[in-house]
Amino acid sequence: MILRDLPVLASWSGGKDSCLALWRAVQAGAKPQALLTMLDEEGDRSRSHGVRPEVLALQAQALGLPQRLGKASWNDYREVFIGQLRAAAADGIRAAVFGDIDLDAHREWEEGVCAEAGLGAILPLWRQARADLVREFVDAGFVARIVMVNTALVDEKWLGRAFNRQLIEDMLAEGVDPCGEAGEFHTLVVDGPLFNKPLALRDGETAELGEYRALDLLPA
């Protein structure tokens, strides 16, 4: 699919992979029209990363893009997601950009929901080396924080750390996947070349959610 001047929607978690995917799509000439983020049933947090809607709104403002927000449980997630894609298609969007790297089941799901909505699916990071991708993210000038860790997979010590070259090398030295593709951790992007200003955030409380530890970042 030719991306130049293509109106696209970004599937947006607020984390590094969705951000790098959007960055690559923009570099290839795509024209982002909106960010699509799925929230929990009550709309209190993002479904994937547990980010507050007001923080996602700050990201959207800094990116200069409108939001499309869906609220869903895991049971009706697919149905609600497709509904959001169909609404985007009706507004002239032609494709959706996703940040998945090498999980075939994820790609199949994304291509399936896009096909049902009449959209193309674009995965700019697909089959790229994980360590190379995170280094590219940092070297491009993006800034992110680790906001959630799965303590069943990695040590809690990573929570809250800035995502930079030193962090990447520390993770690799300890055998931790710096992409977190198995759900080891999640990030929140707070600045970078797509942003018109850095996000003004402060650290809130750390929550224990079963095996997960989450740092609540709040508007400053």
C-alpha atoms as a PDB file:
ATOM      1  CA  MET A   1       0.000   0.000   0.000  1.00  0.00           C
ATOM      2  CA  ILE A   2       1.358   3.422  -0.991  1.00  0.00           C
ATOM      3  CA  LEU A   3       1.359   5.648   2.072  1.00  0.00           C
ATOM      4  CA  ARG A   4       2.041   9.042   0.527  1.00  0.00           C
ATOM      5  CA  ASP A   5      -0.936  11.322   1.244  1.00  0.00           C
ATOM      6  CA  LEU A   6      -2.935   8.333   2.542  1.00  0.00           C
ATOM      7  CA  PRO A   7      -5.399   9.385   5.297  1.00  0.00           C
ATOM      8  CA  VAL A   8      -4.801   7.019   8.200  1.00  0.00           C
ATOM      9  CA  LEU A   9      -5.925   6.326  11.719  1.00  0.00           C
ATOM     10  CA  ALA A  10      -3.382   5.337  14.380  1.00  0.00           C
ATOM     11  CA  SER A  11      -4.266   2.524  16.765  1.00  0.00           C
ATOM     12  CA  TRP A  12      -2.902   4.335  19.804  1.00  0.00           C
ATOM     13  CA  SER A  13      -1.963   2.791  23.153  1.00  0.00           C
ATOM     14  CA  GLY A  14       0.103   5.798  24.158  1.00  0.00           C
ATOM     15  CA  GLY A  15       3.225   3.631  24.247  1.00  0.00           C
ATOM     16  CA  LYS A  16       6.442   3.417  22.276  1.00  0.00           C
ATOM     17  CA  ASP A  17       5.425   0.880  19.614  1.00  0.00           C
ATOM     18  CA  SER A  18       2.258   2.656  18.490  1.00  0.00           C
ATOM     19  CA  CYS A  19       4.212   5.916  18.500  1.00  0.00           C
ATOM     20  CA  LEU A  20       7.114   4.574  16.436  1.00  0.00           C
ATOM     21  CA  ALA A  21       4.664   3.000  13.977  1.00  0.00           C
ATOM     22  CA  LEU A  22       2.926   6.355  13.543  1.00  0.00           C
ATOM     23  CA  TRP A  23       6.304   8.081  13.145  1.00  0.00           C
ATOM     24  CA  ARG A  24       7.366   5.676  10.406  1.00  0.00           C
ATOM     25  CA  ALA A  25       4.020   6.064   8.629  1.00  0.00           C
ATOM     26  CA  VAL A  26       4.353   9.853   8.721  1.00  0.00           C
ATOM     27  CA  GLN A  27       7.929   9.595   7.442  1.00  0.00           C
ATOM     28  CA  ALA A  28       6.563   7.565   4.511  1.00  0.00           C
ATOM     29  CA  GLY A  29       4.064  10.303   3.696  1.00  0.00           C
ATOM     30  CA  ALA A  30       0.889   9.106   5.425  1.00  0.00           C
ATOM     31  CA  LYS A  31      -1.510  11.756   6.715  1.00  0.00           C
ATOM     32  CA  PRO A  32      -2.730  10.848  10.220  1.00  0.00           C
ATOM     33  CA  GLN A  33      -6.278  11.977  10.912  1.00  0.00           C
ATOM     34  CA  ALA A  34      -6.954  10.651  14.417  1.00  0.00           C
ATOM     35  CA  LEU A  35      -5.844   8.436  17.289  1.00  0.00           C
ATOM     36  CA  LEU A  36      -8.005   5.431  18.206  1.00  0.00           C
ATOM     37  CA  THR A  37      -7.700   4.242  21.796  1.00  0.00           C
ATOM     38  CA  MET A  38      -9.787   1.590  23.509  1.00  0.00           C
ATOM     39  CA  LEU A  39     -10.813   2.251  27.113  1.00  0.00           C
ATOM     40  CA  ASP A  40     -12.282  -0.033  29.747  1.00  0.00           C
ATOM     41  CA  GLU A  41     -16.077  -0.294  30.154  1.00  0.00           C
ATOM     42  CA  GLU A  42     -16.293   2.726  32.445  1.00  0.00           C
ATOM     43  CA  GLY A  43     -13.865   4.820  30.398  1.00  0.00           C
ATOM     44  CA  ASP A  44     -11.571   5.230  33.423  1.00  0.00           C
ATOM     45  CA  ARG A  45      -8.394   3.796  31.862  1.00  0.00           C
ATOM     46  CA  SER A  46      -7.026   2.669  28.520  1.00  0.00           C
ATOM     47  CA  ARG A  47      -7.719  -1.021  28.028  1.00  0.00           C
ATOM     48  CA  SER A  48      -4.138  -1.996  27.193  1.00  0.00           C
ATOM     49  CA  HIS A  49      -1.849   0.269  29.234  1.00  0.00           C
ATOM     50  CA  GLY A  50      -4.065   1.523  32.048  1.00  0.00           C
ATOM     51  CA  VAL A  51      -3.503   5.180  31.118  1.00  0.00           C
ATOM     52  CA  ARG A  52      -5.933   7.861  32.309  1.00  0.00           C
ATOM     53  CA  PRO A  53      -8.085   9.506  29.584  1.00  0.00           C
ATOM     54  CA  GLU A  54      -6.859  12.965  30.599  1.00  0.00           C
ATOM     55  CA  VAL A  55      -3.263  11.863  29.932  1.00  0.00           C
ATOM     56  CA  LEU A  56      -4.252  10.401  26.561  1.00  0.00           C
ATOM     57  CA  ALA A  57      -5.936  13.738  25.818  1.00  0.00           C
ATOM     58  CA  LEU A  58      -2.670  15.548  26.575  1.00  0.00           C
ATOM     59  CA  GLN A  59      -0.890  13.263  24.117  1.00  0.00           C
ATOM     60  CA  ALA A  60      -3.503  13.954  21.442  1.00  0.00           C
ATOM     61  CA  GLN A  61      -3.173  17.712  21.982  1.00  0.00           C
ATOM     62  CA  ALA A  62       0.612  17.515  21.740  1.00  0.00           C
ATOM     63  CA  LEU A  63       0.303  15.450  18.556  1.00  0.00           C
ATOM     64  CA  GLY A  64      -2.314  17.820  17.124  1.00  0.00           C
ATOM     65  CA  LEU A  65      -4.722  14.967  16.395  1.00  0.00           C
ATOM     66  CA  PRO A  66      -8.331  14.316  17.426  1.00  0.00           C
ATOM     67  CA  GLN A  67      -9.187  11.239  19.466  1.00  0.00           C
ATOM     68  CA  ARG A  68     -11.560   8.392  18.765  1.00  0.00           C
ATOM     69  CA  LEU A  69     -12.321   6.539  21.998  1.00  0.00           C
ATOM     70  CA  GLY A  70     -14.068   3.189  22.329  1.00  0.00           C
ATOM     71  CA  LYS A  71     -15.256   1.711  25.621  1.00  0.00           C
ATOM     72  CA  ALA A  72     -15.348  -2.074  25.864  1.00  0.00           C
ATOM     73  CA  SER A  73     -14.849  -5.166  27.982  1.00  0.00           C
ATOM     74  CA  TRP A  74     -12.648  -7.896  26.573  1.00  0.00           C
ATOM     75  CA  ASN A  75     -15.861  -9.711  25.588  1.00  0.00           C
ATOM     76  CA  ASP A  76     -17.110  -7.018  23.201  1.00  0.00           C
ATOM     77  CA  TYR A  77     -13.727  -5.479  22.357  1.00  0.00           C
ATOM     78  CA  ARG A  78     -13.682  -6.693  18.752  1.00  0.00           C
ATOM     79  CA  GLU A  79     -17.213  -5.511  18.024  1.00  0.00           C
ATOM     80  CA  VAL A  80     -16.572  -2.045  19.467  1.00  0.00           C
ATOM     81  CA  PHE A  81     -13.206  -1.767  17.709  1.00  0.00           C
ATOM     82  CA  ILE A  82     -14.747  -2.591  14.335  1.00  0.00           C
ATOM     83  CA  GLY A  83     -17.459  -0.027  14.984  1.00  0.00           C
ATOM     84  CA  GLN A  84     -14.810   2.615  15.555  1.00  0.00           C
ATOM     85  CA  LEU A  85     -13.000   1.612  12.359  1.00  0.00           C
ATOM     86  CA  ARG A  86     -16.220   1.761  10.332  1.00  0.00           C
ATOM     87  CA  ALA A  87     -16.952   5.251  11.643  1.00  0.00           C
ATOM     88  CA  ALA A  88     -13.429   6.294  10.668  1.00  0.00           C
ATOM     89  CA  ALA A  89     -13.862   4.808   7.203  1.00  0.00           C
ATOM     90  CA  ALA A  90     -17.095   6.771   6.795  1.00  0.00           C
ATOM     91  CA  ASP A  91     -15.079   9.928   7.527  1.00  0.00           C
ATOM     92  CA  GLY A  92     -12.633   9.182   4.720  1.00  0.00           C
ATOM     93  CA  ILE A  93      -9.887   7.319   6.517  1.00  0.00           C
ATOM     94  CA  ARG A  94      -8.373   4.622   4.310  1.00  0.00           C
ATOM     95  CA  ALA A  95      -6.147   2.571   6.609  1.00  0.00           C
ATOM     96  CA  ALA A  96      -5.185   1.972  10.241  1.00  0.00           C
ATOM     97  CA  VAL A  97      -1.612   1.958  11.548  1.00  0.00           C
ATOM     98  CA  PHE A  98      -0.612  -0.635  14.164  1.00  0.00           C
ATOM     99  CA  GLY A  99       2.557  -1.036  16.222  1.00  0.00           C
ATOM    100  CA  ASP A 100       2.825  -4.827  16.347  1.00  0.00           C
ATOM    101  CA  ILE A 101       6.197  -6.327  15.540  1.00  0.00           C
ATOM    102  CA  ASP A 102       6.175 -10.098  15.167  1.00  0.00           C
ATOM    103  CA  LEU A 103       3.155 -11.747  16.804  1.00  0.00           C
ATOM    104  CA  ASP A 104       1.253 -13.419  13.968  1.00  0.00           C
ATOM    105  CA  ALA A 105      -2.008 -13.691  15.929  1.00  0.00           C
ATOM    106  CA  HIS A 106      -2.033  -9.928  16.471  1.00  0.00           C
ATOM    107  CA  ARG A 107      -1.469  -9.206  12.787  1.00  0.00           C
ATOM    108  CA  GLU A 108      -4.218 -11.616  11.766  1.00  0.00           C
ATOM    109  CA  TRP A 109      -6.633  -9.942  14.196  1.00  0.00           C
ATOM    110  CA  GLU A 110      -5.781  -6.452  12.947  1.00  0.00           C
ATOM    111  CA  GLU A 111      -6.052  -7.385   9.293  1.00  0.00           C
ATOM    112  CA  GLY A 112      -9.360  -9.110  10.025  1.00  0.00           C
ATOM    113  CA  VAL A 113     -11.014  -6.177  11.798  1.00  0.00           C
ATOM    114  CA  CYS A 114      -9.736  -3.746   9.183  1.00  0.00           C
ATOM    115  CA  ALA A 115     -11.105  -5.906   6.372  1.00  0.00           C
ATOM    116  CA  GLU A 116     -14.526  -5.941   8.044  1.00  0.00           C
ATOM    117  CA  ALA A 117     -14.428  -2.151   8.226  1.00  0.00           C
ATOM    118  CA  GLY A 118     -13.192  -1.691   4.664  1.00  0.00           C
ATOM    119  CA  LEU A 119      -9.783  -0.359   5.696  1.00  0.00           C
ATOM    120  CA  GLY A 120      -6.230  -1.392   4.998  1.00  0.00           C
ATOM    121  CA  ALA A 121      -3.947  -2.475   7.850  1.00  0.00           C
ATOM    122  CA  ILE A 122      -0.450  -0.965   8.007  1.00  0.00           C
ATOM    123  CA  LEU A 123       2.222  -2.450  10.298  1.00  0.00           C
ATOM    124  CA  PRO A 124       5.377  -0.346   9.781  1.00  0.00           C
ATOM    125  CA  LEU A 125       7.401  -2.259  12.388  1.00  0.00           C
ATOM    126  CA  TRP A 126       6.590  -5.750  11.167  1.00  0.00           C
ATOM    127  CA  ARG A 127       9.413  -8.314  11.347  1.00  0.00           C
ATOM    128  CA  GLN A 128      11.998  -5.724  12.360  1.00  0.00           C
ATOM    129  CA  ALA A 129      14.652  -6.591  14.960  1.00  0.00           C
ATOM    130  CA  ARG A 130      13.276  -5.644  18.362  1.00  0.00           C
ATOM    131  CA  ALA A 131      16.449  -4.100  19.773  1.00  0.00           C
ATOM    132  CA  ASP A 132      16.919  -2.056  16.590  1.00  0.00           C
ATOM    133  CA  LEU A 133      13.393  -0.684  16.864  1.00  0.00           C
ATOM    134  CA  VAL A 134      13.754   0.554  20.427  1.00  0.00           C
ATOM    135  CA  ARG A 135      17.115   2.112  19.618  1.00  0.00           C
ATOM    136  CA  GLU A 136      15.503   3.850  16.626  1.00  0.00           C
ATOM    137  CA  PHE A 137      12.721   5.121  18.901  1.00  0.00           C
ATOM    138  CA  VAL A 138      15.191   6.656  21.342  1.00  0.00           C
ATOM    139  CA  ASP A 139      17.592   7.951  18.683  1.00  0.00           C
ATOM    140  CA  ALA A 140      14.717   9.701  16.873  1.00  0.00           C
ATOM    141  CA  GLY A 141      14.271  11.819  19.995  1.00  0.00           C
ATOM    142  CA  PHE A 142      11.237  10.224  21.611  1.00  0.00           C
ATOM    143  CA  VAL A 143      10.977  10.198  25.402  1.00  0.00           C
ATOM    144  CA  ALA A 144       8.959   7.604  27.318  1.00  0.00           C
ATOM    145  CA  ARG A 145       8.498   6.227  30.829  1.00  0.00           C
ATOM    146  CA  ILE A 146       7.758   2.668  31.901  1.00  0.00           C
ATOM    147  CA  VAL A 147       4.322   2.878  33.524  1.00  0.00           C
ATOM    148  CA  MET A 148       3.479  -0.807  34.057  1.00  0.00           C
ATOM    149  CA  VAL A 149       5.454  -3.988  34.679  1.00  0.00           C
ATOM    150  CA  ASN A 150       4.381  -7.611  34.940  1.00  0.00           C
ATOM    151  CA  THR A 151       6.286  -8.859  37.978  1.00  0.00           C
ATOM    152  CA  ALA A 152       5.744 -12.454  36.874  1.00  0.00           C
ATOM    153  CA  LEU A 153       8.059 -11.716  33.962  1.00  0.00           C
ATOM    154  CA  VAL A 154      10.408  -8.903  35.016  1.00  0.00           C
ATOM    155  CA  ASP A 155      11.602  -7.170  38.156  1.00  0.00           C
ATOM    156  CA  GLU A 156       9.565  -4.291  39.564  1.00  0.00           C
ATOM    157  CA  LYS A 157      12.716  -2.139  39.505  1.00  0.00           C
ATOM    158  CA  TRP A 158      12.027  -1.138  35.893  1.00  0.00           C
ATOM    159  CA  LEU A 159       8.824   0.699  36.825  1.00  0.00           C
ATOM    160  CA  GLY A 160       9.054   4.444  36.343  1.00  0.00           C
ATOM    161  CA  ARG A 161      12.377   4.410  34.524  1.00  0.00           C
ATOM    162  CA  ALA A 162      12.932   6.614  31.525  1.00  0.00           C
ATOM    163  CA  PHE A 163      13.131   4.671  28.279  1.00  0.00           C
ATOM    164  CA  ASN A 164      16.554   5.554  26.920  1.00  0.00           C
ATOM    165  CA  ARG A 165      19.725   3.957  25.512  1.00  0.00           C
ATOM    166  CA  GLN A 166      21.008   3.078  28.984  1.00  0.00           C
ATOM    167  CA  LEU A 167      17.753   1.329  29.860  1.00  0.00           C
ATOM    168  CA  ILE A 168      17.839  -0.653  26.624  1.00  0.00           C
ATOM    169  CA  GLU A 169      21.386  -1.838  27.256  1.00  0.00           C
ATOM    170  CA  ASP A 170      20.579  -2.670  30.891  1.00  0.00           C
ATOM    171  CA  MET A 171      17.612  -4.775  29.782  1.00  0.00           C
ATOM    172  CA  LEU A 172      19.602  -6.604  27.126  1.00  0.00           C
ATOM    173  CA  ALA A 173      22.347  -7.345  29.650  1.00  0.00           C
ATOM    174  CA  GLU A 174      19.774  -8.953  31.950  1.00  0.00           C
ATOM    175  CA  GLY A 175      18.021 -10.902  29.193  1.00  0.00           C
ATOM    176  CA  VAL A 176      14.910  -8.698  29.192  1.00  0.00           C
ATOM    177  CA  ASP A 177      13.235  -7.998  25.845  1.00  0.00           C
ATOM    178  CA  PRO A 178      13.469  -4.191  25.481  1.00  0.00           C
ATOM    179  CA  CYS A 179      10.334  -4.233  23.334  1.00  0.00           C
ATOM    180  CA  GLY A 180       8.304  -6.008  26.012  1.00  0.00           C
ATOM    181  CA  GLU A 181       6.475  -7.997  23.346  1.00  0.00           C
ATOM    182  CA  ALA A 182       5.379 -10.682  25.823  1.00  0.00           C
ATOM    183  CA  GLY A 183       3.762  -8.038  28.016  1.00  0.00           C
ATOM    184  CA  GLU A 184       6.726  -7.612  30.344  1.00  0.00           C
ATOM    185  CA  PHE A 185       6.100  -3.867  30.578  1.00  0.00           C
ATOM    186  CA  HIS A 186       4.252  -0.949  29.026  1.00  0.00           C
ATOM    187  CA  THR A 187       5.420   2.584  28.298  1.00  0.00           C
ATOM    188  CA  LEU A 188       3.941   6.044  27.963  1.00  0.00           C
ATOM    189  CA  VAL A 189       5.453   8.457  25.433  1.00  0.00           C
ATOM    190  CA  VAL A 190       5.806  11.968  26.821  1.00  0.00           C
ATOM    191  CA  ASP A 191       7.760  13.818  24.108  1.00  0.00           C
ATOM    192  CA  GLY A 192       9.345  13.447  20.700  1.00  0.00           C
ATOM    193  CA  PRO A 193       9.483  14.698  17.107  1.00  0.00           C
ATOM    194  CA  LEU A 194       5.742  14.164  16.558  1.00  0.00           C
ATOM    195  CA  PHE A 195       4.894  16.254  19.646  1.00  0.00           C
ATOM    196  CA  ASN A 196       4.479  20.034  19.561  1.00  0.00           C
ATOM    197  CA  LYS A 197       5.379  20.152  23.274  1.00  0.00           C
ATOM    198  CA  PRO A 198       6.376  17.698  26.026  1.00  0.00           C
ATOM    199  CA  LEU A 199       3.652  16.399  28.302  1.00  0.00           C
ATOM    200  CA  ALA A 200       3.519  18.066  31.721  1.00  0.00           C
ATOM    201  CA  LEU A 201       3.012  15.122  34.071  1.00  0.00           C
ATOM    202  CA  ARG A 202       3.728  14.234  37.685  1.00  0.00           C
ATOM    203  CA  ASP A 203       4.130  10.872  39.364  1.00  0.00           C
ATOM    204  CA  GLY A 204       1.093   9.625  41.235  1.00  0.00           C
ATOM    205  CA  GLU A 205       0.755   6.471  43.281  1.00  0.00           C
ATOM    206  CA  THR A 206       2.012   3.007  42.395  1.00  0.00           C
ATOM    207  CA  ALA A 207      -0.787   0.455  42.287  1.00  0.00           C
ATOM    208  CA  GLU A 208      -0.605  -3.309  42.754  1.00  0.00           C
ATOM    209  CA  LEU A 209      -2.891  -5.051  40.269  1.00  0.00           C
ATOM    210  CA  GLY A 210      -2.304  -8.738  40.842  1.00  0.00           C
ATOM    211  CA  GLU A 211       1.038  -9.504  39.208  1.00  0.00           C
ATOM    212  CA  TYR A 212       1.190  -6.009  37.723  1.00  0.00           C
ATOM    213  CA  ARG A 213       2.640  -2.838  39.184  1.00  0.00           C
ATOM    214  CA  ALA A 214       1.430   0.396  37.628  1.00  0.00           C
ATOM    215  CA  LEU A 215       2.727   3.948  38.017  1.00  0.00           C
ATOM    216  CA  ASP A 216      -0.095   6.459  37.745  1.00  0.00           C
ATOM    217  CA  LEU A 217       1.112   9.482  35.778  1.00  0.00           C
ATOM    218  CA  LEU A 218      -1.104  12.529  36.264  1.00  0.00           C
ATOM    219  CA  PRO A 219      -1.389  15.931  34.608  1.00  0.00           C
ATOM    220  CA  ALA A 220       0.938  18.313  36.441  1.00  0.00           C
END
